[in-house]
Amino acid sequence: MINQASFTLRNRNPDILTCIANLSNDEVFTPPEFANRMLDTLAEAWAAEFDGANIWADSSVTFLDPFTKSGVFLREITRRLVQGLEKEIPDLVKRVDHILTNQVYGIAITQITSLLARRSLYCTKHANGEHSIAKNFESDAGNIWFERLDHTWKNGKCVYCGASQSTFDRGEGLETHAYAFIHTDDIKTRVAELFGEENMQFDVIIGNPPYQLDDGGFGKSAVPIYQHFVEQAKALDPRYLLMIIPARWFAGGRGLDEFRESMLTDNRLRSIADYLTASDVFPGVGLKGGVCYFLWDRDNPGACQVSTHFKDWPVSKAIRPLLEEGADVFIRFNEGLSILKKVMATETGQAASLLLPEGKRFDQLVSSLRPFGLRTYFQGKKTKRTSDLLVYQNGGKGYIARDSVTANTELIDKWKIYIGRAAPGTGNKDTYPHRILSTPFVGEPGSISTETYLCIGPFNTHNEAESALSYISCRLTRLLILLHKPSQDTTRKVYTFVPSQDWNRKWTDEDLYAKYGISESEIEFIEKIVRPMEIQGSFLDD
């Protein structure tokens, strides 16, 4: 038996959990190397709080992965505990049994992941079977719970996760994806029911929750659910909480406003490791906007250590507040924050607040979505009558009768700028430097657009419009947009940090760097993040 336990718990090469394919982009397996990176963060926090103590040498600490898939977190926690508890419990079989029955717990998200997680942790899908390395379980499931649950429907939607009844009201043979951890109003009672212990308390909750339901949406249109797992985990009041989730919540995400506010105002969020591209964490996974993992420390509130990771770039680290005065989003780049504060100090006379005064806000020139009331699929007439307006539309140009347009009619006979709502991308990959925006162009009087474009203006002359066009093309301007931009979608809100200028000249980055006192190292950062944008125009070419 000792030989069996020793064999099953020692390092293996190759590790089978590095070889399995992801279930989907919504339910992604965490690579063992990255799971261990998160566990290292936990160990450092524990040592800092408890005078250098080793968390893996404490036989009383309890761990929960409430959305276990491959079982990698539980397996790696067990491996570390087996090493750390050797002095306290010298007998390997007893040590392994104590860890598995008293310290590590999981809630699987599907039937197949429950079997996979048990196989990873107990070396068999039967926790109480003859081949299990745990010897004192009475149930087949052990400490990895799973039962098929149904959603709670109201008006065609689940009241807990928002799933569509038409999609997820399924027969017995199909997964419902009604995750136990978030389908309850009382998570403490639910956990006690799952594991058969009253007042069940976990020291550490860690894992990688499902990100969204495959409910017919995709990309930015899919409804996220990971925020529900974070909120439920906090409600269990663990000592530490570590999760890896999409980073889109920093500045956007459908239905995430309240979640973002609660996270950014929670001073127990002590570290965020931000990965600009998800493929650096999950190879081959398409997830725009990157991912992050955070450490929430119940008993040690304070400022947050923010680290930014991208391929082979040096890791940027800073300890700072999550929410700056005057901002409603998390400023993603440490270097970007210092640049933004310089811009704000110049425009407002103070760097403490990131809120531009009314007369300085470029976003007031930017239209809302559907600026002239025309949907993306609108196609204008191919031939023009004398009084018709030119329509810039998806796929080219068309024409429409003037009296058919009822929204923002005051812009029709003015100069303006059109810019695509969807910024150029590289599929599901985040690459740098990139352009941030699609290529803008000047719109003449007598023209309008569908919602394929936003409209910026009005401007009184062609030269004013081209001056603004030159400003938008500057790298610094587009960096300020990026700091408020969570996805490819470019709405009015992403211009929040962009100050307005005088529209009587051609603007260049050199002009803006001088105006705002941008240093050489900051210029280097800007040019590493933002790609040049070439725009032609008569005023620009003078």
Protein backbone atom coordinates (compact mmCIF):
# COMPACT_ATOMS: atom_id res chain seq x y z
CA MET A 1 0.00 0.00 0.00
CA ILE A 2 2.83 2.39 0.81
CA ASN A 3 4.38 1.69 -2.59
CA GLN A 4 1.03 2.35 -4.28
CA ALA A 5 0.56 5.71 -2.54
CA SER A 6 4.14 6.70 -3.20
CA PHE A 7 3.81 5.89 -6.89
CA THR A 8 0.51 7.69 -7.42
CA LEU A 9 1.57 10.86 -5.70
CA ARG A 10 5.04 11.39 -7.09
CA ASN A 11 5.72 13.66 -10.06
CA ARG A 12 4.87 12.16 -13.42
CA ASN A 13 6.25 13.01 -16.82
CA PRO A 14 4.31 13.60 -18.90
CA ASP A 15 1.55 14.82 -16.61
CA ILE A 16 -1.76 13.55 -17.98
CA LEU A 17 -3.49 16.79 -16.97
CA THR A 18 -1.32 18.70 -19.46
CA CYS A 19 -2.58 16.49 -22.27
CA ILE A 20 -6.38 16.61 -22.02
CA ALA A 21 -8.42 18.90 -24.26
CA ASN A 22 -10.62 21.66 -22.88
CA LEU A 23 -14.35 21.04 -22.70
CA SER A 24 -15.05 24.44 -24.27
CA ASN A 25 -13.95 28.06 -24.08
CA ASP A 26 -16.35 28.44 -21.14
CA GLU A 27 -15.07 25.51 -19.07
CA VAL A 28 -11.31 25.55 -19.40
CA PHE A 29 -8.91 23.14 -17.70
CA THR A 30 -6.18 24.88 -15.73
CA PRO A 31 -2.63 23.79 -16.63
CA PRO A 32 -0.81 22.25 -13.63
CA GLU A 33 2.04 24.78 -13.92
CA PHE A 34 -0.38 27.66 -13.58
CA ALA A 35 -2.30 26.05 -10.73
CA ASN A 36 1.01 25.82 -8.89
CA ARG A 37 1.72 29.47 -9.58
CA MET A 38 -1.51 30.34 -7.80
CA LEU A 39 -0.63 27.99 -4.94
CA ASP A 40 2.74 29.72 -4.59
CA THR A 41 0.89 33.03 -4.19
CA LEU A 42 -1.23 31.47 -1.46
CA ALA A 43 1.80 30.06 0.36
CA GLU A 44 3.53 33.45 0.30
CA ALA A 45 0.47 35.17 1.75
CA TRP A 46 0.15 32.55 4.49
CA ALA A 47 3.82 32.86 5.42
CA ALA A 48 3.58 36.66 5.53
CA GLU A 49 0.60 36.51 7.87
CA PHE A 50 1.86 33.73 10.15
CA ASP A 51 5.52 34.61 10.72
CA GLY A 52 6.95 32.48 7.94
CA ALA A 53 4.79 29.41 8.64
CA ASN A 54 4.39 26.78 5.91
CA ILE A 55 0.73 26.32 5.01
CA TRP A 56 1.53 22.85 3.64
CA ALA A 57 2.77 21.75 7.07
CA ASP A 58 -0.56 22.53 8.77
CA SER A 59 -2.86 19.51 9.08
CA SER A 60 -5.86 21.65 10.09
CA VAL A 61 -6.10 23.85 6.99
CA THR A 62 -9.07 23.07 4.73
CA PHE A 63 -9.33 23.70 1.00
CA LEU A 64 -12.30 23.87 -1.38
CA ASP A 65 -12.41 23.96 -5.17
CA PRO A 66 -16.12 24.69 -5.72
CA PHE A 67 -15.97 24.23 -9.51
CA THR A 68 -13.48 21.44 -9.98
CA LYS A 69 -12.97 20.12 -13.48
CA SER A 70 -9.74 18.15 -13.93
CA GLY A 71 -9.05 18.12 -10.19
CA VAL A 72 -5.69 19.82 -10.74
CA PHE A 73 -5.95 22.24 -7.82
CA LEU A 74 -6.95 19.51 -5.38
CA ARG A 75 -4.28 17.19 -6.68
CA GLU A 76 -1.51 19.77 -6.41
CA ILE A 77 -2.67 20.85 -2.95
CA THR A 78 -2.58 17.21 -1.86
CA ARG A 79 0.89 16.71 -3.31
CA ARG A 80 2.19 19.69 -1.35
CA LEU A 81 0.48 18.59 1.86
CA VAL A 82 1.92 15.09 1.52
CA GLN A 83 5.40 16.63 1.54
CA GLY A 84 4.70 19.27 4.17
CA LEU A 85 3.05 16.95 6.73
CA GLU A 86 5.72 14.28 6.64
CA LYS A 87 7.07 15.15 10.10
CA GLU A 88 3.67 15.43 11.73
CA ILE A 89 2.27 12.25 10.16
CA PRO A 90 5.24 10.04 9.21
CA ASP A 91 3.19 7.13 7.91
CA LEU A 92 2.50 7.88 4.24
CA VAL A 93 -0.76 5.95 4.00
CA LYS A 94 -2.19 7.63 7.11
CA ARG A 95 -0.94 11.01 5.92
CA VAL A 96 -2.58 10.67 2.52
CA ASP A 97 -5.80 9.43 4.07
CA HIS A 98 -5.92 12.33 6.54
CA ILE A 99 -5.40 14.88 3.77
CA LEU A 100 -8.01 13.42 1.45
CA THR A 101 -10.69 12.90 4.07
CA ASN A 102 -10.17 16.01 6.21
CA GLN A 103 -8.49 18.76 4.20
CA VAL A 104 -9.41 18.80 0.49
CA TYR A 105 -12.93 19.15 -0.92
CA GLY A 106 -14.40 19.77 -4.34
CA ILE A 107 -17.70 20.44 -6.09
CA ALA A 108 -17.65 19.21 -9.66
CA ILE A 109 -19.40 21.12 -12.43
CA THR A 110 -20.54 18.15 -14.54
CA GLN A 111 -20.79 14.39 -14.28
CA ILE A 112 -17.71 13.85 -16.43
CA THR A 113 -15.59 16.34 -14.49
CA SER A 114 -16.59 14.69 -11.21
CA LEU A 115 -15.19 11.39 -12.48
CA LEU A 116 -12.08 13.08 -13.84
CA ALA A 117 -11.43 14.97 -10.61
CA ARG A 118 -11.86 11.83 -8.48
CA ARG A 119 -9.50 9.97 -10.76
CA SER A 120 -6.92 12.78 -10.40
CA LEU A 121 -7.26 12.94 -6.62
CA TYR A 122 -8.06 9.41 -5.46
CA CYS A 123 -6.45 7.58 -8.40
CA THR A 124 -9.82 6.01 -9.14
CA LYS A 125 -13.30 7.30 -9.87
CA HIS A 126 -14.56 5.41 -6.79
CA ALA A 127 -13.36 7.18 -3.64
CA ASN A 128 -14.28 4.17 -1.50
CA GLY A 129 -13.05 1.57 -3.97
CA GLU A 130 -10.25 -0.92 -3.48
CA HIS A 131 -7.86 1.09 -5.65
CA SER A 132 -8.49 4.42 -3.91
CA ILE A 133 -5.55 5.89 -2.01
CA ALA A 134 -8.06 7.20 0.55
CA LYS A 135 -9.08 4.44 2.97
CA ASN A 136 -11.86 5.89 5.12
CA PHE A 137 -14.53 7.11 2.73
CA GLU A 138 -17.96 5.52 2.98
CA SER A 139 -19.33 7.12 -0.18
CA ASP A 140 -18.33 6.58 -3.77
CA ALA A 141 -17.95 10.35 -4.26
CA GLY A 142 -15.62 10.96 -1.33
CA ASN A 143 -15.15 14.70 -0.87
CA ILE A 144 -15.86 15.54 -4.52
CA TRP A 145 -19.57 16.16 -4.78
CA PHE A 146 -21.73 16.14 -7.86
CA GLU A 147 -25.43 15.67 -8.51
CA ARG A 148 -27.44 16.75 -11.50
CA LEU A 149 -29.48 19.85 -10.61
CA ASP A 150 -32.23 21.66 -12.45
CA HIS A 151 -32.48 25.38 -12.98
CA THR A 152 -35.17 27.44 -11.27
CA TRP A 153 -37.20 28.98 -14.06
CA LYS A 154 -39.08 32.27 -14.01
CA ASN A 155 -40.28 34.00 -17.16
CA GLY A 156 -38.09 31.75 -19.29
CA LYS A 157 -34.84 32.44 -17.38
CA CYS A 158 -33.08 30.84 -14.42
CA VAL A 159 -33.40 33.11 -11.40
CA TYR A 160 -29.84 32.24 -10.28
CA CYS A 161 -27.70 32.28 -13.41
CA GLY A 162 -29.93 33.72 -16.14
CA ALA A 163 -29.81 30.62 -18.34
CA SER A 164 -32.45 30.37 -21.04
CA GLN A 165 -35.17 27.83 -20.35
CA SER A 166 -35.48 27.07 -24.05
CA THR A 167 -31.80 26.03 -24.13
CA PHE A 168 -31.21 24.38 -20.75
CA ASP A 169 -34.53 22.78 -19.81
CA ARG A 170 -33.15 19.40 -20.85
CA GLY A 171 -33.87 15.73 -20.55
CA GLU A 172 -32.28 13.48 -17.94
CA GLY A 173 -29.48 12.37 -20.24
CA LEU A 174 -28.03 15.86 -20.76
CA GLU A 175 -26.08 18.21 -18.51
CA THR A 176 -28.12 21.16 -17.26
CA HIS A 177 -25.10 23.26 -16.22
CA ALA A 178 -27.07 24.31 -13.14
CA TYR A 179 -23.98 24.68 -10.99
CA ALA A 180 -24.66 23.82 -7.36
CA PHE A 181 -22.41 26.51 -5.96
CA ILE A 182 -24.42 29.40 -7.42
CA HIS A 183 -27.92 27.90 -7.49
CA THR A 184 -28.78 28.69 -3.91
CA ASP A 185 -29.73 31.65 -1.73
CA ASP A 186 -27.84 30.28 1.27
CA ILE A 187 -24.42 28.99 0.29
CA LYS A 188 -23.36 28.09 3.84
CA THR A 189 -26.36 25.81 4.29
CA ARG A 190 -25.85 24.34 0.82
CA VAL A 191 -22.20 23.45 1.53
CA ALA A 192 -23.16 21.87 4.86
CA GLU A 193 -25.72 19.75 3.01
CA LEU A 194 -23.23 18.71 0.32
CA PHE A 195 -20.56 17.49 2.70
CA GLY A 196 -22.74 16.42 5.63
CA GLU A 197 -21.14 18.72 8.20
CA GLU A 198 -22.73 21.63 10.01
CA ASN A 199 -20.79 24.90 10.21
CA MET A 200 -18.48 23.77 7.42
CA GLN A 201 -15.69 26.36 7.20
CA PHE A 202 -12.93 26.49 4.60
CA ASP A 203 -9.65 28.30 5.08
CA VAL A 204 -8.93 28.47 1.36
CA ILE A 205 -11.24 28.55 -1.67
CA ILE A 206 -9.40 28.25 -4.95
CA GLY A 207 -10.17 27.41 -8.56
CA ASN A 208 -11.17 28.34 -12.08
CA PRO A 209 -14.95 28.82 -12.43
CA PRO A 210 -17.04 28.49 -15.60
CA TYR A 211 -16.93 31.82 -17.40
CA GLN A 212 -20.24 31.91 -19.25
CA LEU A 213 -23.10 29.68 -20.33
CA ASP A 214 -23.22 28.49 -23.92
CA ASP A 215 -26.63 30.04 -24.35
CA GLY A 216 -26.53 30.92 -28.01
CA GLY A 217 -24.32 33.97 -27.46
CA PHE A 218 -20.63 34.30 -28.12
CA GLY A 219 -17.84 36.74 -27.39
CA LYS A 220 -19.11 39.94 -25.86
CA SER A 221 -22.78 38.92 -26.41
CA ALA A 222 -22.57 35.91 -24.09
CA VAL A 223 -23.70 36.47 -20.52
CA PRO A 224 -20.87 35.96 -17.99
CA ILE A 225 -21.48 33.90 -14.84
CA TYR A 226 -18.06 33.81 -13.18
CA GLN A 227 -18.98 36.80 -11.01
CA HIS A 228 -21.63 34.69 -9.25
CA PHE A 229 -18.98 32.18 -8.19
CA VAL A 230 -16.78 34.95 -6.77
CA GLU A 231 -19.67 36.42 -4.80
CA GLN A 232 -20.72 33.04 -3.40
CA ALA A 233 -17.15 32.23 -2.42
CA LYS A 234 -16.87 35.49 -0.49
CA ALA A 235 -20.15 34.67 1.25
CA LEU A 236 -18.52 31.51 2.65
CA ASP A 237 -16.04 33.80 4.42
CA PRO A 238 -12.82 31.86 3.77
CA ARG A 239 -9.51 33.15 5.05
CA TYR A 240 -8.19 33.25 1.47
CA LEU A 241 -9.86 33.23 -1.93
CA LEU A 242 -7.95 32.72 -5.18
CA MET A 243 -9.64 32.53 -8.57
CA ILE A 244 -8.65 32.88 -12.18
CA ILE A 245 -11.30 34.69 -14.23
CA PRO A 246 -11.55 36.75 -17.45
CA ALA A 247 -10.08 40.24 -17.09
CA ARG A 248 -12.90 41.96 -18.96
CA TRP A 249 -14.53 42.91 -15.65
CA PHE A 250 -11.79 45.53 -15.20
CA ALA A 251 -13.63 47.98 -17.45
CA GLY A 252 -16.68 46.34 -19.02
CA GLY A 253 -18.53 43.09 -19.50
CA ARG A 254 -22.22 42.54 -19.86
CA GLY A 255 -24.02 42.85 -16.53
CA LEU A 256 -20.79 43.32 -14.55
CA ASP A 257 -21.16 46.91 -13.32
CA GLU A 258 -22.16 45.97 -9.76
CA PHE A 259 -19.55 43.22 -9.61
CA ARG A 260 -16.82 45.58 -10.80
CA GLU A 261 -17.78 48.16 -8.19
CA SER A 262 -17.82 45.57 -5.41
CA MET A 263 -14.40 44.25 -6.42
CA LEU A 264 -12.72 47.62 -6.85
CA THR A 265 -14.00 48.90 -3.51
CA ASP A 266 -13.00 45.74 -1.62
CA ASN A 267 -9.68 46.39 0.12
CA ARG A 268 -9.30 42.69 0.90
CA LEU A 269 -8.33 42.14 -2.74
CA ARG A 270 -4.58 42.12 -2.13
CA SER A 271 -3.07 41.02 -5.44
CA ILE A 272 -4.05 40.78 -9.09
CA ALA A 273 -1.88 38.99 -11.64
CA ASP A 274 -3.06 40.27 -15.03
CA TYR A 275 -2.30 38.31 -18.21
CA LEU A 276 -2.91 40.42 -21.29
CA THR A 277 -3.45 37.40 -23.51
CA ALA A 278 -5.34 34.32 -22.33
CA SER A 279 -3.24 32.01 -24.47
CA ASP A 280 -0.27 32.68 -22.19
CA VAL A 281 -2.24 30.86 -19.48
CA PHE A 282 -4.49 28.54 -21.47
CA PRO A 283 -2.66 27.53 -24.66
CA GLY A 284 -4.95 27.45 -27.66
CA VAL A 285 -7.91 29.07 -25.90
CA GLY A 286 -9.57 32.05 -27.57
CA LEU A 287 -10.64 34.56 -24.92
CA LYS A 288 -10.39 38.23 -25.83
CA GLY A 289 -9.30 40.64 -23.14
CA GLY A 290 -6.98 38.31 -21.24
CA VAL A 291 -7.39 36.72 -17.82
CA CYS A 292 -6.35 37.46 -14.27
CA TYR A 293 -6.07 35.67 -10.99
CA PHE A 294 -6.56 37.42 -7.70
CA LEU A 295 -5.85 36.84 -4.03
CA TRP A 296 -8.52 37.95 -1.56
CA ASP A 297 -7.31 38.05 2.04
CA ARG A 298 -10.11 38.30 4.59
CA ASP A 299 -8.04 39.41 7.58
CA ASN A 300 -5.48 41.72 5.95
CA PRO A 301 -7.06 44.62 4.06
CA GLY A 302 -4.82 47.07 2.24
CA ALA A 303 -3.56 48.23 -1.14
CA CYS A 304 -3.31 45.76 -4.00
CA GLN A 305 -0.18 44.50 -5.74
CA VAL A 306 -0.86 44.61 -9.46
CA SER A 307 1.39 42.67 -11.84
CA THR A 308 1.07 42.68 -15.61
CA HIS A 309 2.27 39.71 -17.68
CA PHE A 310 2.65 39.46 -21.45
CA LYS A 311 4.80 36.87 -23.21
CA ASP A 312 8.50 37.65 -22.64
CA TRP A 313 8.02 41.26 -21.52
CA PRO A 314 9.41 42.15 -18.07
CA VAL A 315 6.67 41.77 -15.46
CA SER A 316 5.37 45.16 -14.33
CA LYS A 317 4.55 45.38 -10.61
CA ALA A 318 3.07 48.15 -8.47
CA ILE A 319 1.20 48.42 -5.17
CA ARG A 320 -1.72 50.78 -5.63
CA PRO A 321 -5.43 51.34 -4.99
CA LEU A 322 -7.74 49.42 -7.30
CA LEU A 323 -10.06 52.36 -7.82
CA GLU A 324 -8.61 55.79 -8.51
CA GLU A 325 -10.55 58.92 -7.63
CA GLY A 326 -12.82 59.95 -10.48
CA ALA A 327 -12.55 56.56 -12.26
CA ASP A 328 -15.19 53.86 -12.50
CA VAL A 329 -12.90 51.18 -13.97
CA PHE A 330 -9.64 49.48 -13.06
CA ILE A 331 -6.67 51.07 -14.87
CA ARG A 332 -5.04 48.00 -16.35
CA PHE A 333 -1.45 49.07 -16.98
CA ASN A 334 0.72 50.38 -14.13
CA GLU A 335 2.64 52.53 -16.61
CA GLY A 336 -0.63 53.64 -18.17
CA LEU A 337 -1.82 54.96 -14.82
CA SER A 338 1.20 57.23 -14.41
CA ILE A 339 0.70 58.56 -17.96
CA LEU A 340 -3.00 59.13 -17.35
CA LYS A 341 -2.28 61.05 -14.15
CA LYS A 342 0.09 63.35 -16.05
CA VAL A 343 -2.60 64.06 -18.64
CA MET A 344 -5.19 64.75 -15.95
CA ALA A 345 -2.83 66.97 -13.97
CA THR A 346 -2.24 69.12 -17.06
CA GLU A 347 -5.93 69.36 -17.93
CA THR A 348 -7.38 69.79 -14.42
CA GLY A 349 -4.51 71.17 -12.37
CA GLN A 350 -4.56 68.14 -10.10
CA ALA A 351 -3.48 64.52 -10.57
CA ALA A 352 -5.53 63.16 -7.67
CA SER A 353 -8.70 62.84 -9.74
CA LEU A 354 -9.14 61.14 -13.11
CA LEU A 355 -12.34 63.03 -13.86
CA LEU A 356 -12.18 65.55 -16.68
CA PRO A 357 -14.25 68.75 -16.36
CA GLU A 358 -17.23 69.15 -18.68
CA GLY A 359 -15.53 71.50 -21.12
CA LYS A 360 -12.52 69.21 -21.53
CA ARG A 361 -14.27 65.92 -22.33
CA PHE A 362 -13.77 64.50 -25.82
CA ASP A 363 -16.47 61.88 -25.19
CA GLN A 364 -19.08 64.66 -25.44
CA LEU A 365 -18.29 64.77 -29.16
CA VAL A 366 -18.89 61.03 -29.56
CA SER A 367 -22.33 59.73 -30.46
CA SER A 368 -24.21 56.97 -28.73
CA LEU A 369 -24.73 53.68 -30.53
CA ARG A 370 -26.86 53.87 -33.69
CA PRO A 371 -26.13 57.59 -34.18
CA PHE A 372 -28.76 58.19 -36.85
CA GLY A 373 -31.19 55.45 -35.88
CA LEU A 374 -30.13 52.97 -38.58
CA ARG A 375 -29.29 49.38 -37.70
CA THR A 376 -26.16 47.57 -38.92
CA TYR A 377 -28.12 45.54 -41.45
CA PHE A 378 -29.65 48.63 -43.10
CA GLN A 379 -28.75 48.92 -46.77
CA GLY A 380 -29.38 52.21 -48.55
CA LYS A 381 -30.48 52.69 -52.11
CA LYS A 382 -27.87 52.24 -54.80
CA THR A 383 -28.87 55.33 -56.76
CA LYS A 384 -29.11 58.88 -55.44
CA ARG A 385 -31.83 61.44 -55.85
CA THR A 386 -30.94 65.10 -55.51
CA SER A 387 -32.09 65.49 -51.89
CA ASP A 388 -30.85 62.09 -50.65
CA LEU A 389 -28.22 61.66 -47.97
CA LEU A 390 -25.11 59.53 -48.33
CA VAL A 391 -25.09 56.58 -45.90
CA TYR A 392 -21.86 54.95 -44.76
CA GLN A 393 -22.96 51.40 -44.08
CA ASN A 394 -21.66 47.90 -43.57
CA GLY A 395 -19.99 46.94 -46.83
CA GLY A 396 -19.83 50.36 -48.45
CA LYS A 397 -22.18 53.25 -49.23
CA GLY A 398 -25.82 53.79 -50.02
CA TYR A 399 -28.42 56.56 -50.10
CA ILE A 400 -31.51 57.44 -48.09
CA ALA A 401 -34.17 60.11 -48.24
CA ARG A 402 -33.42 62.99 -45.88
CA ASP A 403 -36.88 62.92 -44.30
CA SER A 404 -36.35 59.26 -43.32
CA VAL A 405 -33.72 60.26 -40.75
CA THR A 406 -35.07 61.45 -37.39
CA ALA A 407 -32.12 61.01 -34.98
CA ASN A 408 -29.31 63.57 -34.58
CA THR A 409 -30.50 65.56 -37.56
CA GLU A 410 -28.43 68.53 -36.38
CA LEU A 411 -25.29 66.58 -37.37
CA ILE A 412 -26.36 65.90 -40.94
CA ASP A 413 -25.08 69.12 -42.49
CA LYS A 414 -21.94 69.37 -40.36
CA TRP A 415 -18.46 67.93 -40.79
CA LYS A 416 -17.82 64.90 -38.60
CA ILE A 417 -15.68 61.82 -38.19
CA TYR A 418 -16.89 58.25 -38.59
CA ILE A 419 -15.18 55.39 -36.78
CA GLY A 420 -16.10 51.72 -36.71
CA ARG A 421 -17.60 50.34 -33.51
CA ALA A 422 -15.63 47.12 -33.79
CA ALA A 423 -11.90 47.65 -33.49
CA PRO A 424 -9.63 45.56 -35.73
CA GLY A 425 -8.53 42.34 -34.10
CA THR A 426 -6.59 39.16 -34.65
CA GLY A 427 -9.28 36.59 -34.11
CA ASN A 428 -9.39 35.56 -30.48
CA LYS A 429 -5.81 36.59 -29.74
CA ASP A 430 -4.61 39.71 -27.95
CA THR A 431 -1.46 41.05 -29.58
CA TYR A 432 0.64 44.13 -28.92
CA PRO A 433 1.24 46.62 -30.27
CA HIS A 434 -2.20 47.01 -31.81
CA ARG A 435 -4.21 49.87 -33.20
CA ILE A 436 -6.95 50.01 -30.53
CA LEU A 437 -9.37 51.61 -33.03
CA SER A 438 -10.52 50.98 -36.57
CA THR A 439 -9.41 53.59 -39.10
CA PRO A 440 -11.50 56.77 -38.75
CA PHE A 441 -12.37 59.00 -41.67
CA VAL A 442 -13.93 62.42 -42.24
CA GLY A 443 -17.62 62.54 -43.04
CA GLU A 444 -18.81 65.37 -45.23
CA PRO A 445 -21.98 67.45 -44.73
CA GLY A 446 -24.96 65.59 -46.15
CA SER A 447 -23.74 62.21 -44.90
CA ILE A 448 -24.87 59.87 -42.11
CA SER A 449 -24.02 56.31 -41.04
CA THR A 450 -25.56 53.11 -39.77
CA GLU A 451 -24.65 51.76 -36.33
CA THR A 452 -21.62 50.13 -37.93
CA TYR A 453 -19.97 53.45 -37.08
CA LEU A 454 -19.94 55.98 -34.29
CA CYS A 455 -20.13 59.62 -35.25
CA ILE A 456 -17.72 62.17 -33.73
CA GLY A 457 -18.57 65.86 -34.03
CA PRO A 458 -19.94 68.23 -35.11
CA PHE A 459 -17.13 70.32 -36.59
CA ASN A 460 -17.69 73.58 -38.40
CA THR A 461 -15.03 73.15 -41.09
CA HIS A 462 -13.19 70.43 -42.94
CA ASN A 463 -9.94 71.50 -41.31
CA GLU A 464 -11.41 71.20 -37.81
CA ALA A 465 -12.55 67.66 -38.60
CA GLU A 466 -9.12 66.74 -39.94
CA SER A 467 -7.46 68.25 -36.87
CA ALA A 468 -9.57 65.97 -34.68
CA LEU A 469 -8.77 63.10 -37.02
CA SER A 470 -5.05 63.69 -36.53
CA TYR A 471 -5.60 63.69 -32.76
CA ILE A 472 -7.40 60.34 -32.83
CA SER A 473 -4.56 58.85 -34.87
CA CYS A 474 -1.98 59.71 -32.17
CA ARG A 475 -0.67 56.83 -30.10
CA LEU A 476 -1.15 58.66 -26.80
CA THR A 477 -4.81 59.35 -27.58
CA ARG A 478 -5.42 55.71 -28.38
CA LEU A 479 -3.60 54.59 -25.21
CA LEU A 480 -6.02 56.73 -23.18
CA ILE A 481 -8.86 54.99 -25.00
CA LEU A 482 -7.36 51.58 -24.27
CA LEU A 483 -7.29 52.33 -20.53
CA HIS A 484 -11.11 52.38 -20.56
CA LYS A 485 -11.68 49.80 -23.28
CA PRO A 486 -12.56 46.24 -22.19
CA SER A 487 -13.12 44.62 -25.58
CA GLN A 488 -13.20 45.14 -29.34
CA ASP A 489 -16.43 47.10 -28.99
CA THR A 490 -15.71 50.83 -29.10
CA THR A 491 -18.48 52.85 -27.48
CA ARG A 492 -18.65 56.46 -26.33
CA LYS A 493 -17.61 55.38 -22.84
CA VAL A 494 -14.12 54.28 -23.89
CA TYR A 495 -13.29 57.97 -24.60
CA THR A 496 -13.83 58.88 -20.91
CA PHE A 497 -10.14 59.60 -20.26
CA VAL A 498 -9.53 61.50 -23.52
CA PRO A 499 -9.33 65.30 -23.17
CA SER A 500 -10.59 67.58 -25.90
CA GLN A 501 -8.14 69.85 -27.76
CA ASP A 502 -8.19 72.96 -29.94
CA TRP A 503 -9.08 71.92 -33.49
CA ASN A 504 -6.92 74.45 -35.33
CA ARG A 505 -3.80 72.39 -36.06
CA LYS A 506 -2.48 69.00 -37.01
CA TRP A 507 -1.75 66.98 -33.83
CA THR A 508 1.23 64.66 -33.50
CA ASP A 509 2.46 62.45 -30.69
CA GLU A 510 5.47 64.71 -30.30
CA ASP A 511 3.10 67.61 -29.60
CA LEU A 512 1.15 65.58 -27.04
CA TYR A 513 4.25 64.16 -25.36
CA ALA A 514 5.56 67.69 -24.88
CA LYS A 515 2.22 69.07 -23.67
CA TYR A 516 1.78 66.41 -21.02
CA GLY A 517 5.42 65.90 -20.00
CA ILE A 518 5.61 62.27 -21.07
CA SER A 519 9.01 60.77 -20.22
CA GLU A 520 11.22 58.70 -22.51
CA SER A 521 10.39 55.48 -20.63
CA GLU A 522 6.68 56.29 -20.87
CA ILE A 523 7.02 56.95 -24.60
CA GLU A 524 8.74 53.59 -24.95
CA PHE A 525 5.82 51.95 -23.16
CA ILE A 526 3.22 53.71 -25.33
CA GLU A 527 4.97 52.65 -28.51
CA LYS A 528 5.22 49.08 -27.25
CA ILE A 529 1.45 48.97 -26.71
CA VAL A 530 0.01 51.10 -29.53
CA ARG A 531 0.70 50.64 -33.23
CA PRO A 532 1.06 53.67 -35.55
CA MET A 533 -2.00 54.71 -37.55
CA GLU A 534 -1.55 56.38 -40.93
CA ILE A 535 -4.36 58.69 -42.05
CA GLN A 536 -4.42 60.76 -45.22
CA GLY A 537 -6.09 64.14 -45.49
CA SER A 538 -5.46 67.52 -47.13
CA PHE A 539 -5.04 69.36 -43.83
CA LEU A 540 -2.84 66.56 -42.47
CA ASP A 541 -0.63 66.62 -45.52
CA ASP A 542 0.03 70.39 -45.41
